[in-house]
mmCIF file of all heavy atoms, coordinates in Angstrom:
data_MODEL
# 
_entry.id   MODEL 
# 
loop_
_atom_site.group_PDB 
_atom_site.id 
_atom_site.type_symbol 
_atom_site.label_atom_id 
_atom_site.label_alt_id 
_atom_site.label_comp_id 
_atom_site.label_asym_id 
_atom_site.label_entity_id 
_atom_site.label_seq_id 
_atom_site.pdbx_PDB_ins_code 
_atom_site.Cartn_x 
_atom_site.Cartn_y 
_atom_site.Cartn_z 
_atom_site.occupancy 
_atom_site.B_iso_or_equiv 
_atom_site.pdbx_formal_charge 
_atom_site.auth_seq_id 
_atom_site.auth_comp_id 
_atom_site.auth_asym_id 
_atom_site.auth_atom_id 
_atom_site.pdbx_PDB_model_num 
ATOM 1   N N   . PHE A 1 1  ? 2.175  16.209  -19.725 1.00 0.00 ? 1  PHE A N   1 
ATOM 2   C CA  . PHE A 1 1  ? 1.260  15.573  -18.788 1.00 0.00 ? 1  PHE A CA  1 
ATOM 3   C C   . PHE A 1 1  ? 1.303  14.054  -18.989 1.00 0.00 ? 1  PHE A C   1 
ATOM 4   O O   . PHE A 1 1  ? 1.382  13.569  -20.112 1.00 0.00 ? 1  PHE A O   1 
ATOM 5   C CB  . PHE A 1 1  ? -0.166 16.082  -19.015 1.00 0.00 ? 1  PHE A CB  1 
ATOM 6   C CG  . PHE A 1 1  ? -1.179 15.430  -18.128 1.00 0.00 ? 1  PHE A CG  1 
ATOM 7   C CD1 . PHE A 1 1  ? -1.281 15.773  -16.788 1.00 0.00 ? 1  PHE A CD1 1 
ATOM 8   C CD2 . PHE A 1 1  ? -2.017 14.439  -18.620 1.00 0.00 ? 1  PHE A CD2 1 
ATOM 9   C CE1 . PHE A 1 1  ? -2.212 15.165  -15.956 1.00 0.00 ? 1  PHE A CE1 1 
ATOM 10  C CE2 . PHE A 1 1  ? -2.940 13.828  -17.801 1.00 0.00 ? 1  PHE A CE2 1 
ATOM 11  C CZ  . PHE A 1 1  ? -3.039 14.193  -16.464 1.00 0.00 ? 1  PHE A CZ  1 
ATOM 12  N N   . SER A 1 2  ? 1.248  13.319  -17.880 1.00 0.00 ? 2  SER A N   1 
ATOM 13  C CA  . SER A 1 2  ? 1.164  11.854  -17.968 1.00 0.00 ? 2  SER A CA  1 
ATOM 14  C C   . SER A 1 2  ? 0.315  11.303  -16.826 1.00 0.00 ? 2  SER A C   1 
ATOM 15  O O   . SER A 1 2  ? 0.095  11.968  -15.814 1.00 0.00 ? 2  SER A O   1 
ATOM 16  C CB  . SER A 1 2  ? 2.570  11.230  -17.941 1.00 0.00 ? 2  SER A CB  1 
ATOM 17  O OG  . SER A 1 2  ? 3.213  11.516  -16.733 1.00 0.00 ? 2  SER A OG  1 
ATOM 18  N N   . VAL A 1 3  ? -0.180 10.097  -17.040 1.00 0.00 ? 3  VAL A N   1 
ATOM 19  C CA  . VAL A 1 3  ? -0.969 9.386   -16.029 1.00 0.00 ? 3  VAL A CA  1 
ATOM 20  C C   . VAL A 1 3  ? -0.209 8.106   -15.701 1.00 0.00 ? 3  VAL A C   1 
ATOM 21  O O   . VAL A 1 3  ? 0.257  7.402   -16.589 1.00 0.00 ? 3  VAL A O   1 
ATOM 22  C CB  . VAL A 1 3  ? -2.376 9.054   -16.548 1.00 0.00 ? 3  VAL A CB  1 
ATOM 23  C CG1 . VAL A 1 3  ? -3.151 8.217   -15.535 1.00 0.00 ? 3  VAL A CG1 1 
ATOM 24  C CG2 . VAL A 1 3  ? -3.136 10.336  -16.868 1.00 0.00 ? 3  VAL A CG2 1 
ATOM 25  N N   . ARG A 1 4  ? -0.116 7.819   -14.395 1.00 0.00 ? 4  ARG A N   1 
ATOM 26  C CA  . ARG A 1 4  ? 0.644  6.672   -13.928 1.00 0.00 ? 4  ARG A CA  1 
ATOM 27  C C   . ARG A 1 4  ? -0.189 5.855   -12.937 1.00 0.00 ? 4  ARG A C   1 
ATOM 28  O O   . ARG A 1 4  ? -0.867 6.412   -12.076 1.00 0.00 ? 4  ARG A O   1 
ATOM 29  C CB  . ARG A 1 4  ? 1.923  7.157   -13.235 1.00 0.00 ? 4  ARG A CB  1 
ATOM 30  C CG  . ARG A 1 4  ? 2.817  6.066   -12.697 1.00 0.00 ? 4  ARG A CG  1 
ATOM 31  C CD  . ARG A 1 4  ? 4.088  6.640   -12.103 1.00 0.00 ? 4  ARG A CD  1 
ATOM 32  N NE  . ARG A 1 4  ? 4.931  7.165   -13.186 1.00 0.00 ? 4  ARG A NE  1 
ATOM 33  C CZ  . ARG A 1 4  ? 5.998  7.933   -12.994 1.00 0.00 ? 4  ARG A CZ  1 
ATOM 34  N NH1 . ARG A 1 4  ? 6.365  8.273   -11.780 1.00 0.00 ? 4  ARG A NH1 1 
ATOM 35  N NH2 . ARG A 1 4  ? 6.698  8.362   -14.019 1.00 0.00 ? 4  ARG A NH2 1 
ATOM 36  N N   . VAL A 1 5  ? -0.102 4.525   -13.067 1.00 0.00 ? 5  VAL A N   1 
ATOM 37  C CA  . VAL A 1 5  ? -0.682 3.624   -12.072 1.00 0.00 ? 5  VAL A CA  1 
ATOM 38  C C   . VAL A 1 5  ? 0.475  2.915   -11.377 1.00 0.00 ? 5  VAL A C   1 
ATOM 39  O O   . VAL A 1 5  ? 1.550  2.732   -11.972 1.00 0.00 ? 5  VAL A O   1 
ATOM 40  C CB  . VAL A 1 5  ? -1.663 2.615   -12.688 1.00 0.00 ? 5  VAL A CB  1 
ATOM 41  C CG1 . VAL A 1 5  ? -2.885 3.310   -13.243 1.00 0.00 ? 5  VAL A CG1 1 
ATOM 42  C CG2 . VAL A 1 5  ? -0.996 1.766   -13.751 1.00 0.00 ? 5  VAL A CG2 1 
ATOM 43  N N   . ALA A 1 6  ? 0.250  2.520   -10.123 1.00 0.00 ? 6  ALA A N   1 
ATOM 44  C CA  . ALA A 1 6  ? 1.307  1.824   -9.377  1.00 0.00 ? 6  ALA A CA  1 
ATOM 45  C C   . ALA A 1 6  ? 0.673  0.828   -8.417  1.00 0.00 ? 6  ALA A C   1 
ATOM 46  O O   . ALA A 1 6  ? -0.468 0.995   -7.983  1.00 0.00 ? 6  ALA A O   1 
ATOM 47  C CB  . ALA A 1 6  ? 2.166  2.828   -8.601  1.00 0.00 ? 6  ALA A CB  1 
ATOM 48  N N   . PHE A 1 7  ? 1.448  -0.222  -8.111  1.00 0.00 ? 7  PHE A N   1 
ATOM 49  C CA  . PHE A 1 7  ? 1.033  -1.226  -7.141  1.00 0.00 ? 7  PHE A CA  1 
ATOM 50  C C   . PHE A 1 7  ? 2.255  -1.607  -6.315  1.00 0.00 ? 7  PHE A C   1 
ATOM 51  O O   . PHE A 1 7  ? 3.320  -1.852  -6.851  1.00 0.00 ? 7  PHE A O   1 
ATOM 52  C CB  . PHE A 1 7  ? 0.480  -2.476  -7.831  1.00 0.00 ? 7  PHE A CB  1 
ATOM 53  C CG  . PHE A 1 7  ? 0.129  -3.565  -6.874  1.00 0.00 ? 7  PHE A CG  1 
ATOM 54  C CD1 . PHE A 1 7  ? -1.071 -3.516  -6.177  1.00 0.00 ? 7  PHE A CD1 1 
ATOM 55  C CD2 . PHE A 1 7  ? 0.999  -4.612  -6.642  1.00 0.00 ? 7  PHE A CD2 1 
ATOM 56  C CE1 . PHE A 1 7  ? -1.386 -4.513  -5.253  1.00 0.00 ? 7  PHE A CE1 1 
ATOM 57  C CE2 . PHE A 1 7  ? 0.686  -5.620  -5.733  1.00 0.00 ? 7  PHE A CE2 1 
ATOM 58  C CZ  . PHE A 1 7  ? -0.510 -5.561  -5.049  1.00 0.00 ? 7  PHE A CZ  1 
ATOM 59  N N   . HIS A 1 8  ? 2.067  -1.626  -4.977  1.00 0.00 ? 8  HIS A N   1 
ATOM 60  C CA  . HIS A 1 8  ? 3.153  -1.976  -4.058  1.00 0.00 ? 8  HIS A CA  1 
ATOM 61  C C   . HIS A 1 8  ? 2.662  -3.026  -3.067  1.00 0.00 ? 8  HIS A C   1 
ATOM 62  O O   . HIS A 1 8  ? 1.502  -3.030  -2.674  1.00 0.00 ? 8  HIS A O   1 
ATOM 63  C CB  . HIS A 1 8  ? 3.596  -0.753  -3.251  1.00 0.00 ? 8  HIS A CB  1 
ATOM 64  C CG  . HIS A 1 8  ? 4.187  0.322   -4.089  1.00 0.00 ? 8  HIS A CG  1 
ATOM 65  N ND1 . HIS A 1 8  ? 3.426  1.258   -4.736  1.00 0.00 ? 8  HIS A ND1 1 
ATOM 66  C CD2 . HIS A 1 8  ? 5.469  0.591   -4.396  1.00 0.00 ? 8  HIS A CD2 1 
ATOM 67  C CE1 . HIS A 1 8  ? 4.215  2.073   -5.399  1.00 0.00 ? 8  HIS A CE1 1 
ATOM 68  N NE2 . HIS A 1 8  ? 5.467  1.702   -5.214  1.00 0.00 ? 8  HIS A NE2 1 
ATOM 69  N N   . ALA A 1 9  ? 3.574  -3.870  -2.648  1.00 0.00 ? 9  ALA A N   1 
ATOM 70  C CA  . ALA A 1 9  ? 3.340  -4.809  -1.548  1.00 0.00 ? 9  ALA A CA  1 
ATOM 71  C C   . ALA A 1 9  ? 4.382  -4.509  -0.497  1.00 0.00 ? 9  ALA A C   1 
ATOM 72  O O   . ALA A 1 9  ? 5.558  -4.314  -0.824  1.00 0.00 ? 9  ALA A O   1 
ATOM 73  C CB  . ALA A 1 9  ? 3.446  -6.251  -2.025  1.00 0.00 ? 9  ALA A CB  1 
ATOM 74  N N   . GLY A 1 10 ? 3.956  -4.451  0.760   1.00 0.00 ? 10 GLY A N   1 
ATOM 75  C CA  . GLY A 1 10 ? 4.916  -4.122  1.808   1.00 0.00 ? 10 GLY A CA  1 
ATOM 76  C C   . GLY A 1 10 ? 4.420  -4.469  3.182   1.00 0.00 ? 10 GLY A C   1 
ATOM 77  O O   . GLY A 1 10 ? 3.411  -5.155  3.352   1.00 0.00 ? 10 GLY A O   1 
ATOM 78  N N   . ILE A 1 11 ? 5.183  -3.975  4.160   1.00 0.00 ? 11 ILE A N   1 
ATOM 79  C CA  . ILE A 1 11 ? 4.851  -4.223  5.548   1.00 0.00 ? 11 ILE A CA  1 
ATOM 80  C C   . ILE A 1 11 ? 4.653  -2.909  6.283   1.00 0.00 ? 11 ILE A C   1 
ATOM 81  O O   . ILE A 1 11 ? 5.272  -1.904  5.965   1.00 0.00 ? 11 ILE A O   1 
ATOM 82  C CB  . ILE A 1 11 ? 5.928  -5.076  6.262   1.00 0.00 ? 11 ILE A CB  1 
ATOM 83  C CG1 . ILE A 1 11 ? 7.302  -4.382  6.193   1.00 0.00 ? 11 ILE A CG1 1 
ATOM 84  C CG2 . ILE A 1 11 ? 6.012  -6.452  5.650   1.00 0.00 ? 11 ILE A CG2 1 
ATOM 85  C CD1 . ILE A 1 11 ? 8.374  -5.036  7.021   1.00 0.00 ? 11 ILE A CD1 1 
ATOM 86  N N   . VAL A 1 12 ? 3.751  -2.948  7.239   1.00 0.00 ? 12 VAL A N   1 
ATOM 87  C CA  . VAL A 1 12 ? 3.504  -1.791  8.108   1.00 0.00 ? 12 VAL A CA  1 
ATOM 88  C C   . VAL A 1 12 ? 3.914  -2.200  9.519   1.00 0.00 ? 12 VAL A C   1 
ATOM 89  O O   . VAL A 1 12 ? 3.657  -3.318  9.943   1.00 0.00 ? 12 VAL A O   1 
ATOM 90  C CB  . VAL A 1 12 ? 2.030  -1.337  8.012   1.00 0.00 ? 12 VAL A CB  1 
ATOM 91  C CG1 . VAL A 1 12 ? 1.069  -2.381  8.504   1.00 0.00 ? 12 VAL A CG1 1 
ATOM 92  C CG2 . VAL A 1 12 ? 1.810  -0.024  8.715   1.00 0.00 ? 12 VAL A CG2 1 
ATOM 93  N N   . ASP A 1 13 ? 4.617  -1.296  10.221  1.00 0.00 ? 13 ASP A N   1 
ATOM 94  C CA  . ASP A 1 13 ? 5.162  -1.688  11.525  1.00 0.00 ? 13 ASP A CA  1 
ATOM 95  C C   . ASP A 1 13 ? 4.164  -1.616  12.666  1.00 0.00 ? 13 ASP A C   1 
ATOM 96  O O   . ASP A 1 13 ? 4.355  -2.259  13.679  1.00 0.00 ? 13 ASP A O   1 
ATOM 97  C CB  . ASP A 1 13 ? 6.420  -0.872  11.851  1.00 0.00 ? 13 ASP A CB  1 
ATOM 98  C CG  . ASP A 1 13 ? 6.172  0.621   11.891  1.00 0.00 ? 13 ASP A CG  1 
ATOM 99  O OD1 . ASP A 1 13 ? 5.046  1.070   11.623  1.00 0.00 ? 13 ASP A OD1 1 
ATOM 100 O OD2 . ASP A 1 13 ? 7.131  1.352   12.167  1.00 0.00 ? 13 ASP A OD2 1 
ATOM 101 N N   . GLU A 1 14 ? 3.088  -0.866  12.529  1.00 0.00 ? 14 GLU A N   1 
ATOM 102 C CA  . GLU A 1 14 ? 2.041  -0.822  13.546  1.00 0.00 ? 14 GLU A CA  1 
ATOM 103 C C   . GLU A 1 14 ? 0.729  -1.126  12.842  1.00 0.00 ? 14 GLU A C   1 
ATOM 104 O O   . GLU A 1 14 ? 0.041  -0.247  12.338  1.00 0.00 ? 14 GLU A O   1 
ATOM 105 C CB  . GLU A 1 14 ? 1.986  0.556   14.210  1.00 0.00 ? 14 GLU A CB  1 
ATOM 106 C CG  . GLU A 1 14 ? 3.235  0.852   15.029  1.00 0.00 ? 14 GLU A CG  1 
ATOM 107 C CD  . GLU A 1 14 ? 3.182  2.229   15.680  1.00 0.00 ? 14 GLU A CD  1 
ATOM 108 O OE1 . GLU A 1 14 ? 2.069  2.786   15.832  1.00 0.00 ? 14 GLU A OE1 1 
ATOM 109 O OE2 . GLU A 1 14 ? 4.248  2.740   16.029  1.00 0.00 ? 14 GLU A OE2 1 
ATOM 110 N N   . SER A 1 15 ? 0.381  -2.400  12.818  1.00 0.00 ? 15 SER A N   1 
ATOM 111 C CA  . SER A 1 15 ? -0.706 -2.852  11.947  1.00 0.00 ? 15 SER A CA  1 
ATOM 112 C C   . SER A 1 15 ? -2.101 -2.808  12.564  1.00 0.00 ? 15 SER A C   1 
ATOM 113 O O   . SER A 1 15 ? -3.068 -3.113  11.881  1.00 0.00 ? 15 SER A O   1 
ATOM 114 C CB  . SER A 1 15 ? -0.405 -4.282  11.478  1.00 0.00 ? 15 SER A CB  1 
ATOM 115 O OG  . SER A 1 15 ? -0.313 -5.139  12.591  1.00 0.00 ? 15 SER A OG  1 
ATOM 116 N N   . GLU A 1 16 ? -2.238 -2.436  13.822  1.00 0.00 ? 16 GLU A N   1 
ATOM 117 C CA  . GLU A 1 16 ? -3.553 -2.521  14.458  1.00 0.00 ? 16 GLU A CA  1 
ATOM 118 C C   . GLU A 1 16 ? -4.624 -1.674  13.750  1.00 0.00 ? 16 GLU A C   1 
ATOM 119 O O   . GLU A 1 16 ? -5.795 -2.049  13.705  1.00 0.00 ? 16 GLU A O   1 
ATOM 120 C CB  . GLU A 1 16 ? -3.503 -2.180  15.943  1.00 0.00 ? 16 GLU A CB  1 
ATOM 121 C CG  . GLU A 1 16 ? -2.962 -0.813  16.291  1.00 0.00 ? 16 GLU A CG  1 
ATOM 122 C CD  . GLU A 1 16 ? -1.440 -0.757  16.395  1.00 0.00 ? 16 GLU A CD  1 
ATOM 123 O OE1 . GLU A 1 16 ? -0.779 -1.791  16.309  1.00 0.00 ? 16 GLU A OE1 1 
ATOM 124 O OE2 . GLU A 1 16 ? -0.924 0.356   16.545  1.00 0.00 ? 16 GLU A OE2 1 
ATOM 125 N N   . ASN A 1 17 ? -4.259 -0.544  13.136  1.00 0.00 ? 17 ASN A N   1 
ATOM 126 C CA  . ASN A 1 17 ? -5.244 0.276   12.448  1.00 0.00 ? 17 ASN A CA  1 
ATOM 127 C C   . ASN A 1 17 ? -5.616 -0.251  11.074  1.00 0.00 ? 17 ASN A C   1 
ATOM 128 O O   . ASN A 1 17 ? -6.681 0.067   10.552  1.00 0.00 ? 17 ASN A O   1 
ATOM 129 C CB  . ASN A 1 17 ? -4.741 1.718   12.303  1.00 0.00 ? 17 ASN A CB  1 
ATOM 130 C CG  . ASN A 1 17 ? -4.671 2.437   13.619  1.00 0.00 ? 17 ASN A CG  1 
ATOM 131 O OD1 . ASN A 1 17 ? -5.388 2.119   14.554  1.00 0.00 ? 17 ASN A OD1 1 
ATOM 132 N ND2 . ASN A 1 17 ? -3.779 3.402   13.722  1.00 0.00 ? 17 ASN A ND2 1 
ATOM 133 N N   . LEU A 1 18 ? -4.743 -1.075  10.500  1.00 0.00 ? 18 LEU A N   1 
ATOM 134 C CA  . LEU A 1 18 ? -4.997 -1.576  9.160   1.00 0.00 ? 18 LEU A CA  1 
ATOM 135 C C   . LEU A 1 18 ? -5.357 -3.058  9.113   1.00 0.00 ? 18 LEU A C   1 
ATOM 136 O O   . LEU A 1 18 ? -5.717 -3.584  8.079   1.00 0.00 ? 18 LEU A O   1 
ATOM 137 C CB  . LEU A 1 18 ? -3.780 -1.313  8.257   1.00 0.00 ? 18 LEU A CB  1 
ATOM 138 C CG  . LEU A 1 18 ? -3.527 0.182   7.966   1.00 0.00 ? 18 LEU A CG  1 
ATOM 139 C CD1 . LEU A 1 18 ? -2.206 0.369   7.235   1.00 0.00 ? 18 LEU A CD1 1 
ATOM 140 C CD2 . LEU A 1 18 ? -4.670 0.761   7.141   1.00 0.00 ? 18 LEU A CD2 1 
ATOM 141 N N   . GLY A 1 19 ? -5.224 -3.748  10.228  1.00 0.00 ? 19 GLY A N   1 
ATOM 142 C CA  . GLY A 1 19 ? -5.693 -5.117  10.309  1.00 0.00 ? 19 GLY A CA  1 
ATOM 143 C C   . GLY A 1 19 ? -4.686 -6.217  10.051  1.00 0.00 ? 19 GLY A C   1 
ATOM 144 O O   . GLY A 1 19 ? -4.963 -7.378  10.321  1.00 0.00 ? 19 GLY A O   1 
ATOM 145 N N   . TYR A 1 20 ? -3.481 -5.884  9.521   1.00 0.00 ? 20 TYR A N   1 
ATOM 146 C CA  . TYR A 1 20 ? -2.498 -6.930  9.237   1.00 0.00 ? 20 TYR A CA  1 
ATOM 147 C C   . TYR A 1 20 ? -1.154 -6.267  8.944   1.00 0.00 ? 20 TYR A C   1 
ATOM 148 O O   . TYR A 1 20 ? -1.096 -5.100  8.559   1.00 0.00 ? 20 TYR A O   1 
ATOM 149 C CB  . TYR A 1 20 ? -2.944 -7.779  8.046   1.00 0.00 ? 20 TYR A CB  1 
ATOM 150 C CG  . TYR A 1 20 ? -2.330 -9.145  7.989   1.00 0.00 ? 20 TYR A CG  1 
ATOM 151 C CD1 . TYR A 1 20 ? -2.564 -10.095 8.966   1.00 0.00 ? 20 TYR A CD1 1 
ATOM 152 C CD2 . TYR A 1 20 ? -1.496 -9.494  6.939   1.00 0.00 ? 20 TYR A CD2 1 
ATOM 153 C CE1 . TYR A 1 20 ? -1.983 -11.359 8.903   1.00 0.00 ? 20 TYR A CE1 1 
ATOM 154 C CE2 . TYR A 1 20 ? -0.917 -10.763 6.856   1.00 0.00 ? 20 TYR A CE2 1 
ATOM 155 C CZ  . TYR A 1 20 ? -1.170 -11.683 7.856   1.00 0.00 ? 20 TYR A CZ  1 
ATOM 156 O OH  . TYR A 1 20 ? -0.599 -12.934 7.786   1.00 0.00 ? 20 TYR A OH  1 
ATOM 157 N N   . THR A 1 21 ? -0.087 -7.020  9.092   1.00 0.00 ? 21 THR A N   1 
ATOM 158 C CA  . THR A 1 21 ? 1.254  -6.494  8.850   1.00 0.00 ? 21 THR A CA  1 
ATOM 159 C C   . THR A 1 21 ? 1.530  -6.314  7.356   1.00 0.00 ? 21 THR A C   1 
ATOM 160 O O   . THR A 1 21 ? 2.184  -5.363  6.956   1.00 0.00 ? 21 THR A O   1 
ATOM 161 C CB  . THR A 1 21 ? 2.310  -7.428  9.459   1.00 0.00 ? 21 THR A CB  1 
ATOM 162 O OG1 . THR A 1 21 ? 2.040  -7.565  10.860  1.00 0.00 ? 21 THR A OG1 1 
ATOM 163 C CG2 . THR A 1 21 ? 3.704  -6.861  9.293   1.00 0.00 ? 21 THR A CG2 1 
ATOM 164 N N   . ILE A 1 22 ? 1.037  -7.233  6.528   1.00 0.00 ? 22 ILE A N   1 
ATOM 165 C CA  . ILE A 1 22 ? 1.244  -7.120  5.078   1.00 0.00 ? 22 ILE A CA  1 
ATOM 166 C C   . ILE A 1 22 ? 0.126  -6.253  4.503   1.00 0.00 ? 22 ILE A C   1 
ATOM 167 O O   . ILE A 1 22 ? -1.060 -6.518  4.734   1.00 0.00 ? 22 ILE A O   1 
ATOM 168 C CB  . ILE A 1 22 ? 1.251  -8.507  4.413   1.00 0.00 ? 22 ILE A CB  1 
ATOM 169 C CG1 . ILE A 1 22 ? 2.425  -9.321  4.965   1.00 0.00 ? 22 ILE A CG1 1 
ATOM 170 C CG2 . ILE A 1 22 ? 1.324  -8.384  2.888   1.00 0.00 ? 22 ILE A CG2 1 
ATOM 171 C CD1 . ILE A 1 22 ? 2.435  -10.760 4.525   1.00 0.00 ? 22 ILE A CD1 1 
ATOM 172 N N   . GLU A 1 23 ? 0.504  -5.235  3.734   1.00 0.00 ? 23 GLU A N   1 
ATOM 173 C CA  . GLU A 1 23 ? -0.464 -4.323  3.136   1.00 0.00 ? 23 GLU A CA  1 
ATOM 174 C C   . GLU A 1 23 ? -0.101 -4.087  1.677   1.00 0.00 ? 23 GLU A C   1 
ATOM 175 O O   . GLU A 1 23 ? 1.074  -4.137  1.293   1.00 0.00 ? 23 GLU A O   1 
ATOM 176 C CB  . GLU A 1 23 ? -0.467 -2.983  3.880   1.00 0.00 ? 23 GLU A CB  1 
ATOM 177 C CG  . GLU A 1 23 ? -0.948 -3.060  5.309   1.00 0.00 ? 23 GLU A CG  1 
ATOM 178 C CD  . GLU A 1 23 ? -2.440 -3.310  5.458   1.00 0.00 ? 23 GLU A CD  1 
ATOM 179 O OE1 . GLU A 1 23 ? -3.228 -2.863  4.578   1.00 0.00 ? 23 GLU A OE1 1 
ATOM 180 O OE2 . GLU A 1 23 ? -2.841 -3.946  6.447   1.00 0.00 ? 23 GLU A OE2 1 
ATOM 181 N N   . PHE A 1 24 ? -1.113 -3.811  0.880   1.00 0.00 ? 24 PHE A N   1 
ATOM 182 C CA  . PHE A 1 24 ? -0.946 -3.525  -0.540  1.00 0.00 ? 24 PHE A CA  1 
ATOM 183 C C   . PHE A 1 24 ? -1.391 -2.077  -0.807  1.00 0.00 ? 24 PHE A C   1 
ATOM 184 O O   . PHE A 1 24 ? -2.441 -1.673  -0.308  1.00 0.00 ? 24 PHE A O   1 
ATOM 185 C CB  . PHE A 1 24 ? -1.780 -4.493  -1.388  1.00 0.00 ? 24 PHE A CB  1 
ATOM 186 C CG  . PHE A 1 24 ? -1.479 -5.931  -1.091  1.00 0.00 ? 24 PHE A CG  1 
ATOM 187 C CD1 . PHE A 1 24 ? -2.307 -6.671  -0.267  1.00 0.00 ? 24 PHE A CD1 1 
ATOM 188 C CD2 . PHE A 1 24 ? -0.340 -6.532  -1.621  1.00 0.00 ? 24 PHE A CD2 1 
ATOM 189 C CE1 . PHE A 1 24 ? -2.034 -7.996  0.024   1.00 0.00 ? 24 PHE A CE1 1 
ATOM 190 C CE2 . PHE A 1 24 ? -0.047 -7.864  -1.320  1.00 0.00 ? 24 PHE A CE2 1 
ATOM 191 C CZ  . PHE A 1 24 ? -0.891 -8.587  -0.508  1.00 0.00 ? 24 PHE A CZ  1 
ATOM 192 N N   . TYR A 1 25 ? -0.581 -1.350  -1.557  1.00 0.00 ? 25 TYR A N   1 
ATOM 193 C CA  . TYR A 1 25 ? -0.895 0.044   -1.871  1.00 0.00 ? 25 TYR A CA  1 
ATOM 194 C C   . TYR A 1 25 ? -0.983 0.205   -3.373  1.00 0.00 ? 25 TYR A C   1 
ATOM 195 O O   . TYR A 1 25 ? -0.053 -0.117  -4.107  1.00 0.00 ? 25 TYR A O   1 
ATOM 196 C CB  . TYR A 1 25 ? 0.182  0.972   -1.300  1.00 0.00 ? 25 TYR A CB  1 
ATOM 197 C CG  . TYR A 1 25 ? -0.062 2.431   -1.581  1.00 0.00 ? 25 TYR A CG  1 
ATOM 198 C CD1 . TYR A 1 25 ? -1.086 3.115   -0.938  1.00 0.00 ? 25 TYR A CD1 1 
ATOM 199 C CD2 . TYR A 1 25 ? 0.739  3.129   -2.488  1.00 0.00 ? 25 TYR A CD2 1 
ATOM 200 C CE1 . TYR A 1 25 ? -1.318 4.456   -1.187  1.00 0.00 ? 25 TYR A CE1 1 
ATOM 201 C CE2 . TYR A 1 25 ? 0.524  4.477   -2.735  1.00 0.00 ? 25 TYR A CE2 1 
ATOM 202 C CZ  . TYR A 1 25 ? -0.517 5.135   -2.084  1.00 0.00 ? 25 TYR A CZ  1 
ATOM 203 O OH  . TYR A 1 25 ? -0.744 6.459   -2.336  1.00 0.00 ? 25 TYR A OH  1 
ATOM 204 N N   . SER A 1 26 ? -2.115 0.688   -3.850  1.00 0.00 ? 26 SER A N   1 
ATOM 205 C CA  . SER A 1 26 ? -2.276 0.946   -5.271  1.00 0.00 ? 26 SER A CA  1 
ATOM 206 C C   . SER A 1 26 ? -2.634 2.422   -5.462  1.00 0.00 ? 26 SER A C   1 
ATOM 207 O O   . SER A 1 26 ? -3.241 3.024   -4.577  1.00 0.00 ? 26 SER A O   1 
ATOM 208 C CB  . SER A 1 26 ? -3.361 0.053   -5.881  1.00 0.00 ? 26 SER A CB  1 
ATOM 209 O OG  . SER A 1 26 ? -4.555 0.167   -5.129  1.00 0.00 ? 26 SER A OG  1 
ATOM 210 N N   . SER A 1 27 ? -2.232 2.979   -6.595  1.00 0.00 ? 27 SER A N   1 
ATOM 211 C CA  . SER A 1 27 ? -2.451 4.414   -6.801  1.00 0.00 ? 27 SER A CA  1 
ATOM 212 C C   . SER A 1 27 ? -2.656 4.762   -8.268  1.00 0.00 ? 27 SER A C   1 
ATOM 213 O O   . SER A 1 27 ? -2.247 4.018   -9.164  1.00 0.00 ? 27 SER A O   1 
ATOM 214 C CB  . SER A 1 27 ? -1.285 5.215   -6.240  1.00 0.00 ? 27 SER A CB  1 
ATOM 215 O OG  . SER A 1 27 ? -0.094 4.906   -6.918  1.00 0.00 ? 27 SER A OG  1 
ATOM 216 N N   . LEU A 1 28 ? -3.298 5.887   -8.463  1.00 0.00 ? 28 LEU A N   1 
ATOM 217 C CA  . LEU A 1 28 ? -3.497 6.502   -9.764  1.00 0.00 ? 28 LEU A CA  1 
ATOM 218 C C   . LEU A 1 28 ? -3.020 7.938   -9.638  1.00 0.00 ? 28 LEU A C   1 
ATOM 219 O O   . LEU A 1 28 ? -3.448 8.644   -8.717  1.00 0.00 ? 28 LEU A O   1 
ATOM 220 C CB  . LEU A 1 28 ? -4.975 6.447   -10.174 1.00 0.00 ? 28 LEU A CB  1 
ATOM 221 C CG  . LEU A 1 28 ? -5.359 7.174   -11.457 1.00 0.00 ? 28 LEU A CG  1 
ATOM 222 C CD1 . LEU A 1 28 ? -4.730 6.496   -12.664 1.00 0.00 ? 28 LEU A CD1 1 
ATOM 223 C CD2 . LEU A 1 28 ? -6.874 7.218   -11.592 1.00 0.00 ? 28 LEU A CD2 1 
# 
């Protein structure tokens, strides 16, 4: 068993639902 954290920076091609083209994704 392991626990992982992650952080990403990227672009979304249809940004109207998220508010901007550049988006950050973090996860546990």
